[in-house]
Amino acid sequence: MSEVLASTDKQILTLTLNRPEKQNAITREMYQTLANSINEANGDFGVRAIVITSSSQHFTAGNDLFDFLNAPPLEEGSPVM
């Protein structure tokens, strides 16, 4: 199951946080996926707007601290520093 779902309809890219068991706490991988999706949409003239939403009643609990504390540092230029 993907933690970030992407769909495009009527020139609107919808990115859905899909990690309800953790109240959509965002991992570094999710930040990377969001950044990649937004960068791709930036170059796509078929996308006129981007909506970020969630698959549950919680939009996001913020960063997943466990993920950030236990993962090695990312390379320079990463959307998460």
Protein backbone atom coordinates (compact mmCIF):
# COMPACT_ATOMS: atom_id res chain seq x y z
CA MET A 1 0.00 0.00 0.00
CA SER A 2 1.38 3.37 -1.00
CA GLU A 3 1.63 6.00 1.73
CA VAL A 4 1.04 8.81 -0.79
CA LEU A 5 -1.59 8.28 -3.46
CA ALA A 6 -1.68 10.46 -6.57
CA SER A 7 -4.53 11.01 -8.99
CA THR A 8 -5.30 13.64 -11.62
CA ASP A 9 -8.79 14.67 -12.63
CA LYS A 10 -9.85 17.77 -14.58
CA GLN A 11 -6.33 19.26 -14.36
CA ILE A 12 -6.22 18.86 -10.56
CA LEU A 13 -3.50 16.68 -9.05
CA THR A 14 -4.67 15.23 -5.74
CA LEU A 15 -2.01 13.86 -3.40
CA THR A 16 -3.53 11.80 -0.59
CA LEU A 17 -1.65 10.97 2.60
CA ASN A 18 -2.50 7.31 3.17
CA ARG A 19 -1.04 6.20 6.48
CA PRO A 20 -4.11 6.20 8.76
CA GLU A 21 -2.66 3.72 11.26
CA LYS A 22 -0.09 6.41 12.19
CA GLN A 23 -2.49 9.36 11.82
CA ASN A 24 -0.69 10.17 8.56
CA ALA A 25 2.58 11.04 10.33
CA ILE A 26 4.93 11.96 7.49
CA THR A 27 8.10 9.95 6.89
CA ARG A 28 11.12 11.10 4.94
CA GLU A 29 10.08 8.81 2.10
CA MET A 30 6.65 10.48 2.02
CA TYR A 31 8.30 13.92 1.84
CA GLN A 32 10.38 12.68 -1.09
CA THR A 33 7.30 11.30 -2.86
CA LEU A 34 5.38 14.55 -2.30
CA ALA A 35 8.32 16.63 -3.58
CA ASN A 36 8.75 14.42 -6.66
CA SER A 37 5.03 14.59 -7.46
CA ILE A 38 4.94 18.37 -7.09
CA ASN A 39 8.08 18.80 -9.21
CA GLU A 40 6.62 16.58 -11.94
CA ALA A 41 3.36 18.56 -11.88
CA ASN A 42 5.33 21.79 -12.20
CA GLY A 43 6.44 20.72 -15.66
CA ASP A 44 3.05 19.34 -16.71
CA PHE A 45 0.83 21.91 -18.44
CA GLY A 46 -2.10 19.53 -17.89
CA VAL A 47 -1.98 20.18 -14.14
CA ARG A 48 -3.43 23.52 -13.05
CA ALA A 49 -3.77 22.91 -9.28
CA ILE A 50 -2.52 20.58 -6.56
CA VAL A 51 -4.58 19.46 -3.56
CA ILE A 52 -3.00 17.64 -0.62
CA THR A 53 -5.51 15.72 1.48
CA SER A 54 -5.69 12.59 3.64
CA SER A 55 -7.44 9.24 3.55
CA SER A 56 -8.65 9.48 7.15
CA GLN A 57 -10.10 11.94 9.63
CA HIS A 58 -6.59 13.12 10.55
CA PHE A 59 -4.83 15.27 7.97
CA THR A 60 -1.43 14.60 9.57
CA ALA A 61 0.10 14.23 13.00
CA GLY A 62 3.23 15.95 11.68
CA ASN A 63 6.59 14.27 11.22
CA ASP A 64 7.07 10.62 12.14
CA LEU A 65 9.74 11.20 14.78
CA PHE A 66 10.66 7.51 14.94
CA ASP A 67 11.45 7.55 11.22
CA PHE A 68 13.52 10.74 11.46
CA LEU A 69 15.48 9.60 14.52
CA ASN A 70 16.30 6.14 13.18
CA ALA A 71 17.13 6.88 9.56
CA PRO A 72 20.52 7.89 8.19
CA PRO A 73 20.95 11.50 7.03
CA LEU A 74 19.80 12.24 3.50
CA GLU A 75 22.01 13.60 0.77
CA GLU A 76 22.27 17.32 0.20
CA GLY A 77 19.49 18.71 -1.96
CA SER A 78 16.88 16.39 -0.47
CA PRO A 79 13.50 17.97 0.39
CA VAL A 80 14.10 16.82 3.97
CA MET A 81 17.22 18.07 5.70
